[in-house]
Amino acid sequence: MAERVWLQLAAEIVSGGVSGGRRLDEVEQSNRLGVSRTPLRESLRQLAALGLVENRPHRGVVVADGVGPSLFQVLAELESACARSTALLLTGAQCRELALIEPEHQLLMPWLRNACGNSIMRSLLNTLWYPLLADTARHGGLDVRDCLCLLRDEVAGGNALAAGQAAQAYVGLWAKRVLG
């Protein structure tokens, strides 16, 4: 239950549906989301850990300002670092395996994150993308195939700089779609 609430609130905050500076009243949000205050509080703690909301004295929980653009800036930098690292670390067998992966986020990006060898980076990326990917119904029709093909090919070719740039371009497409 807390995960569903966390996902819904995170998606609303990142997309700008809940604006920065808005107070998230526990009673109001519990009623709106149809949950008790316990899962809501757990969700708010998770959102605070990601920096999406802030606990302000005498105001309660408030949506952080500029969350959407900041999140995509972090995603772009992390995906770029992941792609560069992976491009430099791949073995010949991994390059051949990578060439066979379909250019779809749910297939390619987890593979790249695992291949980069950095469990902290992988975990951060998975956590930060989670609310965005869970809300894909709202972002249907996002055509990123060409961008993901380029990313896959640059990583497989060992072109670290170009792979990083392709990863940033990919995140940029998502940012345009989600943020408008």
N, C-alpha and C. Protein backbone atom coordinates (compact mmCIF):
# COMPACT_ATOMS: atom_id res chain seq x y z
N MET A 1 0.82 -1.19 0.00
CA MET A 1 0.00 0.00 0.00
C MET A 1 0.87 1.26 0.00
N ALA A 2 1.90 1.29 0.85
CA ALA A 2 2.77 2.46 0.91
C ALA A 2 3.49 2.66 -0.42
N GLU A 3 3.84 1.55 -1.09
CA GLU A 3 4.52 1.67 -2.38
C GLU A 3 3.62 2.31 -3.42
N ARG A 4 2.36 1.93 -3.45
CA ARG A 4 1.42 2.52 -4.40
C ARG A 4 1.28 4.02 -4.14
N VAL A 5 1.17 4.39 -2.89
CA VAL A 5 1.04 5.80 -2.52
C VAL A 5 2.31 6.55 -2.90
N TRP A 6 3.46 5.96 -2.59
CA TRP A 6 4.74 6.59 -2.92
C TRP A 6 4.86 6.81 -4.43
N LEU A 7 4.52 5.78 -5.21
CA LEU A 7 4.60 5.91 -6.66
C LEU A 7 3.68 7.00 -7.20
N GLN A 8 2.46 7.02 -6.71
CA GLN A 8 1.51 8.02 -7.19
C GLN A 8 1.97 9.43 -6.84
N LEU A 9 2.37 9.64 -5.60
CA LEU A 9 2.83 10.97 -5.20
C LEU A 9 4.10 11.38 -5.94
N ALA A 10 5.04 10.44 -6.08
CA ALA A 10 6.29 10.76 -6.78
C ALA A 10 6.01 11.14 -8.23
N ALA A 11 5.14 10.39 -8.90
CA ALA A 11 4.81 10.70 -10.30
C ALA A 11 4.13 12.06 -10.40
N GLU A 12 3.23 12.36 -9.47
CA GLU A 12 2.55 13.66 -9.49
C GLU A 12 3.53 14.81 -9.24
N ILE A 13 4.48 14.61 -8.34
CA ILE A 13 5.45 15.66 -8.02
C ILE A 13 6.41 15.87 -9.18
N VAL A 14 6.96 14.79 -9.72
CA VAL A 14 7.94 14.91 -10.81
C VAL A 14 7.33 15.54 -12.04
N SER A 15 6.09 15.19 -12.35
CA SER A 15 5.45 15.73 -13.56
C SER A 15 4.92 17.14 -13.36
N GLY A 16 4.98 17.65 -12.14
CA GLY A 16 4.48 19.00 -11.88
C GLY A 16 3.02 19.05 -11.51
N GLY A 17 2.38 17.89 -11.39
CA GLY A 17 0.98 17.84 -11.01
C GLY A 17 0.74 18.37 -9.60
N VAL A 18 1.74 18.24 -8.75
CA VAL A 18 1.72 18.83 -7.42
C VAL A 18 2.89 19.80 -7.40
N SER A 19 2.58 21.07 -7.30
CA SER A 19 3.61 22.10 -7.48
C SER A 19 4.51 22.26 -6.26
N GLY A 20 5.72 22.75 -6.53
CA GLY A 20 6.69 23.03 -5.49
C GLY A 20 6.14 24.03 -4.49
N GLY A 21 6.43 23.80 -3.22
CA GLY A 21 5.97 24.68 -2.17
C GLY A 21 4.62 24.30 -1.59
N ARG A 22 3.92 23.39 -2.25
CA ARG A 22 2.60 22.99 -1.75
C ARG A 22 2.74 22.09 -0.53
N ARG A 23 1.97 22.39 0.49
CA ARG A 23 1.96 21.58 1.70
C ARG A 23 1.12 20.33 1.44
N LEU A 24 1.64 19.18 1.86
CA LEU A 24 0.92 17.92 1.72
C LEU A 24 0.31 17.55 3.07
N ASP A 25 -0.89 18.00 3.28
CA ASP A 25 -1.61 17.74 4.52
C ASP A 25 -1.91 16.24 4.62
N GLU A 26 -1.56 15.64 5.76
CA GLU A 26 -1.73 14.20 5.92
C GLU A 26 -3.19 13.76 5.81
N VAL A 27 -4.07 14.48 6.43
CA VAL A 27 -5.49 14.09 6.41
C VAL A 27 -6.04 14.21 4.99
N GLU A 28 -5.74 15.32 4.34
CA GLU A 28 -6.22 15.54 2.97
C GLU A 28 -5.68 14.48 2.01
N GLN A 29 -4.37 14.20 2.10
CA GLN A 29 -3.76 13.22 1.20
C GLN A 29 -4.26 11.81 1.50
N SER A 30 -4.44 11.48 2.77
CA SER A 30 -4.96 10.15 3.13
C SER A 30 -6.35 9.95 2.53
N ASN A 31 -7.19 10.96 2.65
CA ASN A 31 -8.54 10.86 2.08
C ASN A 31 -8.50 10.78 0.57
N ARG A 32 -7.68 11.61 -0.05
CA ARG A 32 -7.59 11.65 -1.51
C ARG A 32 -7.10 10.32 -2.07
N LEU A 33 -6.12 9.72 -1.39
CA LEU A 33 -5.51 8.48 -1.89
C LEU A 33 -6.19 7.22 -1.35
N GLY A 34 -7.13 7.40 -0.43
CA GLY A 34 -7.87 6.26 0.09
C GLY A 34 -7.05 5.32 0.96
N VAL A 35 -6.14 5.89 1.76
CA VAL A 35 -5.29 5.08 2.64
C VAL A 35 -5.28 5.70 4.03
N SER A 36 -4.83 4.92 4.99
CA SER A 36 -4.68 5.46 6.34
C SER A 36 -3.41 6.32 6.39
N ARG A 37 -3.21 6.98 7.49
CA ARG A 37 -2.06 7.88 7.59
C ARG A 37 -0.74 7.13 7.73
N THR A 38 -0.77 5.88 8.19
CA THR A 38 0.48 5.13 8.36
C THR A 38 1.19 4.89 7.03
N PRO A 39 0.53 4.34 5.99
CA PRO A 39 1.24 4.18 4.71
C PRO A 39 1.59 5.53 4.08
N LEU A 40 0.76 6.53 4.33
CA LEU A 40 1.07 7.86 3.80
C LEU A 40 2.35 8.39 4.42
N ARG A 41 2.49 8.25 5.73
CA ARG A 41 3.71 8.73 6.41
C ARG A 41 4.95 8.00 5.89
N GLU A 42 4.83 6.69 5.69
CA GLU A 42 5.96 5.92 5.15
C GLU A 42 6.32 6.43 3.76
N SER A 43 5.32 6.70 2.95
CA SER A 43 5.55 7.23 1.61
C SER A 43 6.23 8.60 1.66
N LEU A 44 5.78 9.44 2.56
CA LEU A 44 6.38 10.77 2.70
C LEU A 44 7.83 10.68 3.14
N ARG A 45 8.17 9.71 3.99
CA ARG A 45 9.57 9.50 4.39
C ARG A 45 10.42 9.10 3.18
N GLN A 46 9.88 8.23 2.34
CA GLN A 46 10.61 7.82 1.14
C GLN A 46 10.79 8.99 0.18
N LEU A 47 9.76 9.79 0.03
CA LEU A 47 9.86 10.97 -0.84
C LEU A 47 10.88 11.96 -0.30
N ALA A 48 10.93 12.11 1.02
CA ALA A 48 11.90 13.02 1.64
C ALA A 48 13.32 12.51 1.43
N ALA A 49 13.51 11.19 1.50
CA ALA A 49 14.84 10.61 1.29
C ALA A 49 15.36 10.89 -0.12
N LEU A 50 14.45 11.00 -1.08
CA LEU A 50 14.83 11.31 -2.46
C LEU A 50 14.92 12.81 -2.72
N GLY A 51 14.49 13.61 -1.77
CA GLY A 51 14.52 15.05 -1.95
C GLY A 51 13.31 15.61 -2.68
N LEU A 52 12.27 14.81 -2.84
CA LEU A 52 11.08 15.28 -3.54
C LEU A 52 10.20 16.14 -2.63
N VAL A 53 10.27 15.89 -1.33
CA VAL A 53 9.54 16.71 -0.36
C VAL A 53 10.50 17.08 0.76
N GLU A 54 10.11 18.09 1.53
CA GLU A 54 10.92 18.54 2.66
C GLU A 54 10.03 18.64 3.89
N ASN A 55 10.58 18.32 5.04
CA ASN A 55 9.88 18.52 6.31
C ASN A 55 10.27 19.89 6.82
N ARG A 56 9.34 20.81 6.82
CA ARG A 56 9.63 22.18 7.24
C ARG A 56 8.99 22.45 8.60
N PRO A 57 9.75 23.11 9.48
CA PRO A 57 9.20 23.43 10.80
C PRO A 57 7.93 24.28 10.68
N HIS A 58 6.93 23.92 11.44
CA HIS A 58 5.66 24.64 11.52
C HIS A 58 4.85 24.63 10.22
N ARG A 59 5.31 23.90 9.21
CA ARG A 59 4.56 23.81 7.94
C ARG A 59 4.24 22.37 7.59
N GLY A 60 4.97 21.44 8.13
CA GLY A 60 4.77 20.04 7.80
C GLY A 60 5.55 19.64 6.56
N VAL A 61 5.01 18.72 5.80
CA VAL A 61 5.68 18.21 4.60
C VAL A 61 5.28 19.08 3.42
N VAL A 62 6.30 19.57 2.71
CA VAL A 62 6.10 20.48 1.59
C VAL A 62 6.83 19.93 0.37
N VAL A 63 6.22 20.03 -0.80
CA VAL A 63 6.86 19.59 -2.04
C VAL A 63 8.05 20.51 -2.32
N ALA A 64 9.19 19.91 -2.60
CA ALA A 64 10.40 20.69 -2.89
C ALA A 64 10.24 21.44 -4.21
N ASP A 65 10.88 22.59 -4.31
CA ASP A 65 10.83 23.39 -5.53
C ASP A 65 11.75 22.82 -6.60
N GLY A 66 11.33 22.90 -7.86
CA GLY A 66 12.17 22.51 -8.99
C GLY A 66 12.52 21.05 -9.06
N VAL A 67 11.66 20.20 -8.53
CA VAL A 67 11.95 18.77 -8.44
C VAL A 67 12.12 18.12 -9.80
N GLY A 68 11.19 18.35 -10.72
CA GLY A 68 11.24 17.69 -12.02
C GLY A 68 12.54 17.93 -12.77
N PRO A 69 12.89 19.20 -13.02
CA PRO A 69 14.15 19.46 -13.73
C PRO A 69 15.37 18.93 -12.98
N SER A 70 15.36 19.05 -11.66
CA SER A 70 16.50 18.55 -10.88
C SER A 70 16.64 17.04 -10.99
N LEU A 71 15.51 16.35 -10.94
CA LEU A 71 15.54 14.89 -11.05
C LEU A 71 16.11 14.47 -12.40
N PHE A 72 15.66 15.11 -13.47
CA PHE A 72 16.15 14.72 -14.79
C PHE A 72 17.62 15.10 -14.99
N GLN A 73 18.08 16.16 -14.35
CA GLN A 73 19.50 16.51 -14.41
C GLN A 73 20.33 15.41 -13.76
N VAL A 74 19.89 14.94 -12.60
CA VAL A 74 20.59 13.86 -11.91
C VAL A 74 20.55 12.58 -12.73
N LEU A 75 19.37 12.25 -13.27
CA LEU A 75 19.25 11.05 -14.10
C LEU A 75 20.19 11.11 -15.30
N ALA A 76 20.26 12.26 -15.95
CA ALA A 76 21.12 12.41 -17.13
C ALA A 76 22.59 12.18 -16.76
N GLU A 77 23.01 12.76 -15.65
CA GLU A 77 24.41 12.60 -15.24
C GLU A 77 24.72 11.16 -14.83
N LEU A 78 23.81 10.54 -14.08
CA LEU A 78 24.04 9.16 -13.66
C LEU A 78 24.01 8.19 -14.84
N GLU A 79 23.04 8.35 -15.73
CA GLU A 79 22.98 7.47 -16.91
C GLU A 79 24.21 7.65 -17.79
N SER A 80 24.67 8.89 -17.90
CA SER A 80 25.87 9.16 -18.69
C SER A 80 27.08 8.47 -18.07
N ALA A 81 27.24 8.60 -16.77
CA ALA A 81 28.36 7.95 -16.08
C ALA A 81 28.28 6.43 -16.22
N CYS A 82 27.08 5.90 -16.11
CA CYS A 82 26.87 4.46 -16.24
C CYS A 82 27.25 4.00 -17.65
N ALA A 83 26.79 4.72 -18.66
CA ALA A 83 27.09 4.35 -20.05
C ALA A 83 28.59 4.43 -20.34
N ARG A 84 29.24 5.48 -19.85
CA ARG A 84 30.69 5.63 -20.07
C ARG A 84 31.45 4.48 -19.40
N SER A 85 31.09 4.19 -18.16
CA SER A 85 31.76 3.10 -17.44
C SER A 85 31.57 1.77 -18.14
N THR A 86 30.35 1.51 -18.54
CA THR A 86 30.05 0.25 -19.21
C THR A 86 30.83 0.14 -20.51
N ALA A 87 30.89 1.22 -21.28
CA ALA A 87 31.62 1.20 -22.56
C ALA A 87 33.09 0.85 -22.36
N LEU A 88 33.65 1.29 -21.25
CA LEU A 88 35.07 1.03 -20.99
C LEU A 88 35.34 -0.35 -20.41
N LEU A 89 34.33 -0.97 -19.82
CA LEU A 89 34.52 -2.24 -19.11
C LEU A 89 34.12 -3.49 -19.89
N LEU A 90 33.37 -3.33 -20.96
CA LEU A 90 32.80 -4.50 -21.64
C LEU A 90 33.86 -5.44 -22.22
N THR A 91 33.59 -6.72 -22.07
CA THR A 91 34.41 -7.74 -22.72
C THR A 91 33.84 -7.99 -24.11
N GLY A 92 34.55 -8.73 -24.92
CA GLY A 92 34.07 -9.07 -26.25
C GLY A 92 32.74 -9.81 -26.21
N ALA A 93 32.62 -10.75 -25.28
CA ALA A 93 31.38 -11.53 -25.16
C ALA A 93 30.22 -10.61 -24.76
N GLN A 94 30.47 -9.67 -23.86
CA GLN A 94 29.42 -8.74 -23.44
C GLN A 94 29.01 -7.83 -24.59
N CYS A 95 29.97 -7.43 -25.41
CA CYS A 95 29.64 -6.58 -26.58
C CYS A 95 28.71 -7.32 -27.53
N ARG A 96 29.00 -8.60 -27.76
CA ARG A 96 28.14 -9.39 -28.64
C ARG A 96 26.75 -9.57 -28.03
N GLU A 97 26.70 -9.79 -26.73
CA GLU A 97 25.41 -9.93 -26.03
C GLU A 97 24.62 -8.62 -26.11
N LEU A 98 25.31 -7.51 -25.89
CA LEU A 98 24.66 -6.20 -25.93
C LEU A 98 24.07 -5.92 -27.30
N ALA A 99 24.77 -6.30 -28.35
CA ALA A 99 24.30 -6.04 -29.71
C ALA A 99 22.96 -6.72 -30.00
N LEU A 100 22.64 -7.77 -29.25
CA LEU A 100 21.39 -8.52 -29.47
C LEU A 100 20.21 -8.00 -28.64
N ILE A 101 20.47 -7.07 -27.74
CA ILE A 101 19.40 -6.56 -26.86
C ILE A 101 18.55 -5.55 -27.60
N GLU A 102 17.24 -5.73 -27.49
CA GLU A 102 16.30 -4.80 -28.12
C GLU A 102 16.41 -3.43 -27.47
N PRO A 103 16.28 -2.38 -28.27
CA PRO A 103 16.38 -1.02 -27.72
C PRO A 103 15.09 -0.58 -27.01
N GLU A 104 14.84 -1.19 -25.87
CA GLU A 104 13.69 -0.84 -25.02
C GLU A 104 14.22 -0.58 -23.62
N HIS A 105 13.67 0.44 -22.98
CA HIS A 105 14.18 0.84 -21.66
C HIS A 105 14.25 -0.34 -20.70
N GLN A 106 13.17 -1.13 -20.61
CA GLN A 106 13.10 -2.20 -19.63
C GLN A 106 14.09 -3.33 -19.91
N LEU A 107 14.65 -3.39 -21.10
CA LEU A 107 15.63 -4.41 -21.43
C LEU A 107 17.06 -3.86 -21.42
N LEU A 108 17.27 -2.77 -22.12
CA LEU A 108 18.61 -2.24 -22.30
C LEU A 108 19.17 -1.57 -21.05
N MET A 109 18.39 -0.70 -20.43
CA MET A 109 18.93 0.08 -19.32
C MET A 109 19.33 -0.79 -18.12
N PRO A 110 18.52 -1.77 -17.71
CA PRO A 110 18.98 -2.64 -16.61
C PRO A 110 20.25 -3.41 -16.98
N TRP A 111 20.37 -3.82 -18.24
CA TRP A 111 21.56 -4.54 -18.67
C TRP A 111 22.79 -3.64 -18.52
N LEU A 112 22.68 -2.40 -18.99
CA LEU A 112 23.80 -1.47 -18.89
C LEU A 112 24.16 -1.20 -17.42
N ARG A 113 23.14 -1.04 -16.59
CA ARG A 113 23.40 -0.76 -15.16
C ARG A 113 24.10 -1.93 -14.49
N ASN A 114 23.72 -3.14 -14.84
CA ASN A 114 24.40 -4.31 -14.27
C ASN A 114 25.83 -4.40 -14.78
N ALA A 115 26.03 -4.12 -16.06
CA ALA A 115 27.35 -4.25 -16.66
C ALA A 115 28.33 -3.18 -16.19
N CYS A 116 27.83 -2.05 -15.70
CA CYS A 116 28.74 -0.99 -15.27
C CYS A 116 29.52 -1.39 -14.02
N GLY A 117 29.01 -2.37 -13.28
CA GLY A 117 29.74 -2.88 -12.13
C GLY A 117 29.64 -2.02 -10.87
N ASN A 118 28.79 -1.01 -10.88
CA ASN A 118 28.67 -0.12 -9.72
C ASN A 118 27.27 -0.30 -9.12
N SER A 119 27.21 -1.04 -8.04
CA SER A 119 25.91 -1.36 -7.44
C SER A 119 25.20 -0.13 -6.87
N ILE A 120 25.95 0.85 -6.41
CA ILE A 120 25.33 2.07 -5.88
C ILE A 120 24.68 2.85 -7.01
N MET A 121 25.40 3.00 -8.12
CA MET A 121 24.84 3.71 -9.27
C MET A 121 23.60 2.99 -9.79
N ARG A 122 23.69 1.67 -9.88
CA ARG A 122 22.56 0.87 -10.36
C ARG A 122 21.35 1.07 -9.45
N SER A 123 21.55 1.01 -8.16
CA SER A 123 20.46 1.17 -7.21
C SER A 123 19.84 2.57 -7.28
N LEU A 124 20.67 3.59 -7.36
CA LEU A 124 20.16 4.96 -7.47
C LEU A 124 19.33 5.13 -8.74
N LEU A 125 19.85 4.65 -9.85
CA LEU A 125 19.12 4.79 -11.11
C LEU A 125 17.79 4.04 -11.07
N ASN A 126 17.80 2.84 -10.56
CA ASN A 126 16.56 2.07 -10.48
C ASN A 126 15.53 2.80 -9.61
N THR A 127 15.97 3.33 -8.50
CA THR A 127 15.06 4.04 -7.59
C THR A 127 14.53 5.32 -8.22
N LEU A 128 15.39 6.09 -8.87
CA LEU A 128 14.97 7.36 -9.44
C LEU A 128 14.04 7.18 -10.64
N TRP A 129 14.26 6.14 -11.44
CA TRP A 129 13.41 5.89 -12.61
C TRP A 129 12.06 5.29 -12.21
N TYR A 130 12.01 4.61 -11.09
CA TYR A 130 10.84 3.81 -10.72
C TYR A 130 9.51 4.55 -10.85
N PRO A 131 9.35 5.74 -10.25
CA PRO A 131 8.04 6.40 -10.40
C PRO A 131 7.74 6.83 -11.83
N LEU A 132 8.77 7.13 -12.60
CA LEU A 132 8.56 7.53 -13.99
C LEU A 132 8.09 6.35 -14.83
N LEU A 133 8.72 5.22 -14.64
CA LEU A 133 8.36 4.03 -15.42
C LEU A 133 7.02 3.46 -14.98
N ALA A 134 6.70 3.61 -13.71
CA ALA A 134 5.41 3.12 -13.23
C ALA A 134 4.27 3.96 -13.79
N ASP A 135 4.59 5.14 -14.24
CA ASP A 135 3.58 6.07 -14.77
C ASP A 135 3.65 6.14 -16.30
N THR A 136 4.13 5.07 -16.94
CA THR A 136 4.32 5.10 -18.39
C THR A 136 3.03 5.25 -19.17
N ALA A 137 1.91 4.89 -18.58
CA ALA A 137 0.64 5.04 -19.31
C ALA A 137 0.42 6.50 -19.70
N ARG A 138 0.83 7.41 -18.83
CA ARG A 138 0.69 8.83 -19.13
C ARG A 138 1.70 9.28 -20.19
N HIS A 139 2.78 8.53 -20.33
CA HIS A 139 3.83 8.95 -21.25
C HIS A 139 3.94 8.00 -22.44
N GLY A 140 2.85 7.32 -22.75
CA GLY A 140 2.85 6.39 -23.88
C GLY A 140 3.18 7.12 -25.17
N GLY A 141 3.73 6.40 -26.10
CA GLY A 141 4.05 6.99 -27.39
C GLY A 141 5.40 7.69 -27.41
N LEU A 142 6.13 7.62 -26.31
CA LEU A 142 7.45 8.24 -26.28
C LEU A 142 8.37 7.40 -27.16
N ASP A 143 8.78 7.96 -28.29
CA ASP A 143 9.59 7.22 -29.25
C ASP A 143 11.07 7.44 -28.95
N VAL A 144 11.66 6.48 -28.30
CA VAL A 144 13.07 6.58 -27.91
C VAL A 144 13.92 5.50 -28.56
N ARG A 145 13.32 4.74 -29.45
CA ARG A 145 14.03 3.60 -30.05
C ARG A 145 15.34 4.02 -30.71
N ASP A 146 15.31 5.07 -31.52
CA ASP A 146 16.53 5.51 -32.20
C ASP A 146 17.60 5.93 -31.20
N CYS A 147 17.17 6.62 -30.17
CA CYS A 147 18.10 7.08 -29.14
C CYS A 147 18.73 5.89 -28.40
N LEU A 148 17.90 4.90 -28.08
CA LEU A 148 18.41 3.71 -27.39
C LEU A 148 19.29 2.87 -28.30
N CYS A 149 18.99 2.82 -29.60
CA CYS A 149 19.86 2.12 -30.56
C CYS A 149 21.25 2.76 -30.57
N LEU A 150 21.26 4.09 -30.62
CA LEU A 150 22.53 4.81 -30.61
C LEU A 150 23.29 4.54 -29.32
N LEU A 151 22.60 4.60 -28.20
CA LEU A 151 23.24 4.34 -26.91
C LEU A 151 23.83 2.93 -26.88
N ARG A 152 23.04 1.96 -27.27
CA ARG A 152 23.51 0.57 -27.29
C ARG A 152 24.74 0.41 -28.17
N ASP A 153 24.69 1.00 -29.37
CA ASP A 153 25.79 0.85 -30.33
C ASP A 153 27.06 1.55 -29.86
N GLU A 154 26.92 2.71 -29.24
CA GLU A 154 28.10 3.43 -28.75
C GLU A 154 28.75 2.70 -27.58
N VAL A 155 27.93 2.15 -26.69
CA VAL A 155 28.49 1.38 -25.57
C VAL A 155 29.18 0.13 -26.11
N ALA A 156 28.51 -0.60 -27.01
CA ALA A 156 29.09 -1.82 -27.57
C ALA A 156 30.37 -1.54 -28.33
N GLY A 157 30.47 -0.35 -28.93
CA GLY A 157 31.67 0.03 -29.65
C GLY A 157 32.79 0.56 -28.76
N GLY A 158 32.52 0.66 -27.47
CA GLY A 158 33.54 1.14 -26.54
C GLY A 158 33.76 2.64 -26.60
N ASN A 159 32.83 3.36 -27.20
CA ASN A 159 32.95 4.82 -27.34
C ASN A 159 32.36 5.50 -26.11
N ALA A 160 33.16 5.63 -25.07
CA ALA A 160 32.66 6.11 -23.78
C ALA A 160 32.05 7.50 -23.86
N LEU A 161 32.72 8.44 -24.51
CA LEU A 161 32.20 9.81 -24.57
C LEU A 161 30.87 9.85 -25.33
N ALA A 162 30.82 9.21 -26.48
CA ALA A 162 29.59 9.20 -27.28
C ALA A 162 28.48 8.44 -26.56
N ALA A 163 28.83 7.39 -25.83
CA ALA A 163 27.83 6.65 -25.06
C ALA A 163 27.22 7.54 -23.97
N GLY A 164 28.06 8.30 -23.31
CA GLY A 164 27.57 9.22 -22.28
C GLY A 164 26.65 10.28 -22.87
N GLN A 165 27.01 10.79 -24.03
CA GLN A 165 26.17 11.80 -24.69
C GLN A 165 24.84 11.19 -25.13
N ALA A 166 24.87 9.97 -25.62
CA ALA A 166 23.63 9.29 -26.03
C ALA A 166 22.72 9.05 -24.82
N ALA A 167 23.31 8.70 -23.69
CA ALA A 167 22.52 8.49 -22.47
C ALA A 167 21.86 9.80 -22.04
N GLN A 168 22.60 10.89 -22.12
CA GLN A 168 22.03 12.19 -21.75
C GLN A 168 20.91 12.59 -22.71
N ALA A 169 21.08 12.30 -23.98
CA ALA A 169 20.03 12.61 -24.96
C ALA A 169 18.77 11.79 -24.67
N TYR A 170 18.96 10.55 -24.30
CA TYR A 170 17.83 9.68 -23.96
C TYR A 170 17.04 10.25 -22.78
N VAL A 171 17.74 10.62 -21.73
CA VAL A 171 17.06 11.19 -20.57
C VAL A 171 16.40 12.52 -20.95
N GLY A 172 17.04 13.27 -21.84
CA GLY A 172 16.47 14.53 -22.31
C GLY A 172 15.12 14.34 -22.99
N LEU A 173 14.97 13.27 -23.75
CA LEU A 173 13.68 12.97 -24.37
C LEU A 173 12.60 12.73 -23.32
N TRP A 174 12.96 11.99 -22.30
CA TRP A 174 12.02 11.74 -21.20
C TRP A 174 11.65 13.04 -20.51
N ALA A 175 12.65 13.87 -20.26
CA ALA A 175 12.40 15.14 -19.56
C ALA A 175 11.42 16.00 -20.35
N LYS A 176 11.62 16.08 -21.66
CA LYS A 176 10.72 16.88 -22.50
C LYS A 176 9.29 16.35 -22.42
N ARG A 177 9.17 15.04 -22.44
CA ARG A 177 7.84 14.43 -22.42
C ARG A 177 7.15 14.63 -21.07
N VAL A 178 7.87 14.42 -20.00
CA VAL A 178 7.26 14.49 -18.67
C VAL A 178 7.05 15.93 -18.22
N LEU A 179 8.04 16.78 -18.48
CA LEU A 179 7.97 18.16 -17.98
C LEU A 179 7.26 19.10 -18.95
N GLY A 180 7.11 18.66 -20.19
CA GLY A 180 6.41 19.48 -21.18
C GLY A 180 7.28 20.45 -21.91
